[in-house]
Amino acid sequence: MAIHARLAHVGIYANDKPKLEKFYTDVLGLVVTDSGPGRNGVELTFMSASPGNHHQFVLVTGRPDTAGFNPINQISFMVDSLSDLRTVHGRAIERGATDMRVVTHGNAWSCYFKDPEGNTIEAYLDTPYHVPQPHGVPFDLSKSDEEILRETEAHCRATPGFMMMEDYQKQMAARLAG
């Protein structure tokens, strides 16, 4: 029998845990579910945006000096709508996020930015399309949902390997089954 693991939560080390708690609460709407001492003298903060998950994100004190290199590639958070993506984008800018980048990957609409400690954050939602990855085309969040959907569909259909997400998911289910 095949095992299909699902990512459940991410934990990162923090230099300034209270500052990151506030950032993730203010920008992404996470709430602190628990906080306290852990092994080896570290302090942990558990955070979630889902009533069904005690924690989706964990902050841990004691981030080592990485001498200019951040070992975290990115941390991604799914949102429910383009309106939510616009809200996260605005909140991130208001709270000093840097390196803002808004792109569609064909299969998702994404907003990337750096948190106060330089970790790359992605807020995204899925589209109904699939194109081979990597794929990234800037788009304008100030446009209407209908305009964004229309423009995304047009460039996806022009991309070799395009298919509707439903068809891609059927193909993936078959691959995973056997």
Protein backbone atom coordinates (compact mmCIF):
# COMPACT_ATOMS: atom_id res chain seq x y z
CA MET A 1 0.00 0.00 0.00
CA ALA A 2 1.37 3.42 -0.97
CA ILE A 3 1.76 6.10 1.68
CA HIS A 4 0.90 9.64 0.58
CA ALA A 5 2.19 12.07 3.18
CA ARG A 6 0.57 15.51 3.47
CA LEU A 7 2.38 18.57 4.75
CA ALA A 8 0.73 19.48 8.04
CA HIS A 9 2.74 22.34 9.52
CA VAL A 10 6.01 24.25 9.29
CA GLY A 11 8.27 25.38 12.12
CA ILE A 12 10.92 28.07 11.77
CA TYR A 13 13.54 29.54 14.07
CA ALA A 14 13.12 33.23 14.91
CA ASN A 15 15.45 35.96 16.08
CA ASP A 16 12.58 38.14 17.35
CA LYS A 17 9.65 35.80 18.02
CA PRO A 18 7.22 38.49 19.27
CA LYS A 19 7.84 40.59 16.15
CA LEU A 20 7.17 37.59 13.88
CA GLU A 21 4.07 36.61 15.90
CA LYS A 22 2.64 40.08 15.29
CA PHE A 23 3.58 40.03 11.60
CA TYR A 24 1.94 36.65 10.91
CA THR A 25 -1.11 37.58 12.97
CA ASP A 26 -1.55 40.98 11.29
CA VAL A 27 -0.73 39.96 7.71
CA LEU A 28 -2.09 36.41 7.40
CA GLY A 29 -4.67 36.27 10.18
CA LEU A 30 -2.99 33.44 12.09
CA VAL A 31 -3.85 33.19 15.78
CA VAL A 32 -1.65 31.98 18.61
CA THR A 33 -3.04 28.66 19.84
CA ASP A 34 -0.37 27.95 22.46
CA SER A 35 2.99 29.25 23.57
CA GLY A 36 5.59 28.12 26.07
CA PRO A 37 8.96 26.59 26.83
CA GLY A 38 10.25 23.63 24.89
CA ARG A 39 13.26 21.36 25.12
CA ASN A 40 16.74 22.84 25.25
CA GLY A 41 15.54 26.21 26.58
CA VAL A 42 13.72 27.35 23.43
CA GLU A 43 10.35 29.11 23.47
CA LEU A 44 7.68 27.97 21.03
CA THR A 45 4.61 29.71 19.64
CA PHE A 46 2.00 27.57 17.87
CA MET A 47 -0.20 29.37 15.32
CA SER A 48 -3.12 28.43 13.08
CA ALA A 49 -5.80 29.83 10.79
CA SER A 50 -7.90 26.67 10.87
CA PRO A 51 -10.20 25.44 13.62
CA GLY A 52 -9.32 21.89 12.53
CA ASN A 53 -5.57 22.34 12.98
CA HIS A 54 -4.07 23.18 16.38
CA HIS A 55 -1.02 24.49 14.58
CA GLN A 56 -0.06 25.08 10.99
CA PHE A 57 2.93 27.25 11.82
CA VAL A 58 5.40 27.21 14.72
CA LEU A 59 7.90 29.88 15.73
CA VAL A 60 10.90 28.76 17.77
CA THR A 61 13.47 31.00 19.46
CA GLY A 62 17.16 30.51 18.82
CA ARG A 63 17.59 31.16 15.11
CA PRO A 64 21.29 30.67 14.42
CA ASP A 65 23.39 33.27 12.66
CA THR A 66 23.27 32.24 9.03
CA ALA A 67 25.82 34.86 7.91
CA GLY A 68 23.64 36.40 5.22
CA PHE A 69 22.09 33.16 3.97
CA ASN A 70 18.54 32.24 4.88
CA PRO A 71 18.11 28.45 4.77
CA ILE A 72 14.32 28.81 4.37
CA ASN A 73 13.39 28.86 0.67
CA GLN A 74 9.77 29.86 1.19
CA ILE A 75 6.73 29.36 3.41
CA SER A 76 3.41 29.22 1.56
CA PHE A 77 -0.06 30.01 2.87
CA MET A 78 -3.23 29.31 0.89
CA VAL A 79 -6.00 31.92 0.87
CA ASP A 80 -9.60 31.53 -0.28
CA SER A 81 -10.02 34.25 -2.92
CA LEU A 82 -8.40 36.96 -4.99
CA SER A 83 -9.95 39.41 -2.53
CA ASP A 84 -8.07 37.70 0.31
CA LEU A 85 -4.87 37.81 -1.77
CA ARG A 86 -5.37 41.57 -2.25
CA THR A 87 -5.86 41.96 1.52
CA VAL A 88 -2.68 40.02 2.36
CA HIS A 89 -0.77 42.04 -0.27
CA GLY A 90 -1.95 45.32 1.26
CA ARG A 91 -1.31 44.26 4.85
CA ALA A 92 2.18 43.03 3.97
CA ILE A 93 3.06 46.34 2.33
CA GLU A 94 1.61 48.31 5.29
CA ARG A 95 3.75 46.29 7.71
CA GLY A 96 6.99 46.77 5.82
CA ALA A 97 7.27 43.55 3.85
CA THR A 98 9.92 43.74 1.15
CA ASP A 99 10.61 42.14 -2.23
CA MET A 100 6.91 42.11 -3.19
CA ARG A 101 6.19 40.02 -6.31
CA VAL A 102 2.73 39.16 -7.71
CA VAL A 103 2.65 36.40 -10.33
CA THR A 104 0.44 33.70 -11.73
CA HIS A 105 1.96 30.27 -12.09
CA GLY A 106 -0.95 29.27 -14.30
CA ASN A 107 -2.10 26.83 -11.63
CA ALA A 108 -2.05 29.48 -8.88
CA TRP A 109 -2.16 33.23 -8.26
CA SER A 110 0.66 34.14 -5.88
CA CYS A 111 1.97 37.07 -3.90
CA TYR A 112 5.54 36.71 -2.60
CA PHE A 113 7.23 38.93 -0.01
CA LYS A 114 9.83 38.89 2.77
CA ASP A 115 8.82 38.86 6.43
CA PRO A 116 10.75 41.02 8.96
CA GLU A 117 13.51 38.39 9.25
CA GLY A 118 13.94 37.90 5.51
CA ASN A 119 11.95 34.67 5.12
CA THR A 120 10.16 34.43 1.78
CA ILE A 121 6.41 34.13 2.24
CA GLU A 122 3.92 33.15 -0.46
CA ALA A 123 0.18 33.74 -0.17
CA TYR A 124 -1.69 32.00 -2.98
CA LEU A 125 -4.85 30.41 -4.28
CA ASP A 126 -5.38 27.83 -6.97
CA THR A 127 -6.71 28.54 -10.46
CA PRO A 128 -8.79 26.08 -12.50
CA TYR A 129 -5.86 25.59 -14.91
CA HIS A 130 -2.67 23.56 -15.16
CA VAL A 131 0.48 24.41 -17.09
CA PRO A 132 3.90 22.77 -16.73
CA GLN A 133 6.08 24.33 -14.03
CA PRO A 134 8.05 26.44 -13.41
CA HIS A 135 5.86 29.15 -14.89
CA GLY A 136 5.49 32.74 -13.69
CA VAL A 137 3.75 35.68 -15.31
CA PRO A 138 3.22 38.97 -13.44
CA PHE A 139 -0.39 40.09 -13.07
CA ASP A 140 -2.17 43.13 -11.70
CA LEU A 141 -4.11 42.65 -8.45
CA SER A 142 -5.89 45.97 -9.01
CA LYS A 143 -7.87 44.41 -11.88
CA SER A 144 -11.23 42.75 -11.30
CA ASP A 145 -11.47 39.04 -10.56
CA GLU A 146 -13.06 38.55 -13.98
CA GLU A 147 -10.21 40.34 -15.78
CA ILE A 148 -7.58 38.35 -13.89
CA LEU A 149 -9.34 35.06 -14.64
CA ARG A 150 -9.72 35.95 -18.33
CA GLU A 151 -6.07 37.02 -18.70
CA THR A 152 -4.81 33.96 -16.79
CA GLU A 153 -6.86 31.60 -18.92
CA ALA A 154 -5.62 33.24 -22.13
CA HIS A 155 -1.94 32.93 -21.28
CA CYS A 156 -2.42 29.41 -19.90
CA ARG A 157 -4.16 28.23 -23.08
CA ALA A 158 -1.23 29.65 -25.07
CA THR A 159 1.26 27.62 -22.99
CA PRO A 160 2.27 24.16 -24.30
CA GLY A 161 1.02 21.47 -21.93
CA PHE A 162 -2.08 23.43 -20.85
CA MET A 163 -5.01 21.48 -19.45
CA MET A 164 -7.86 22.10 -17.07
CA MET A 165 -6.90 21.37 -13.46
CA GLU A 166 -9.61 18.74 -13.18
CA ASP A 167 -7.96 16.73 -16.01
CA TYR A 168 -4.51 17.15 -14.46
CA GLN A 169 -5.82 15.91 -11.10
CA LYS A 170 -7.31 12.81 -12.75
CA GLN A 171 -3.93 12.09 -14.36
CA MET A 172 -2.15 12.56 -11.01
CA ALA A 173 -4.64 10.27 -9.23
CA ALA A 174 -3.90 7.58 -11.79
CA ARG A 175 -0.14 8.04 -11.36
CA LEU A 176 -0.41 7.86 -7.56
CA ALA A 177 -2.61 4.75 -7.75
CA GLY A 178 -0.18 2.82 -9.71
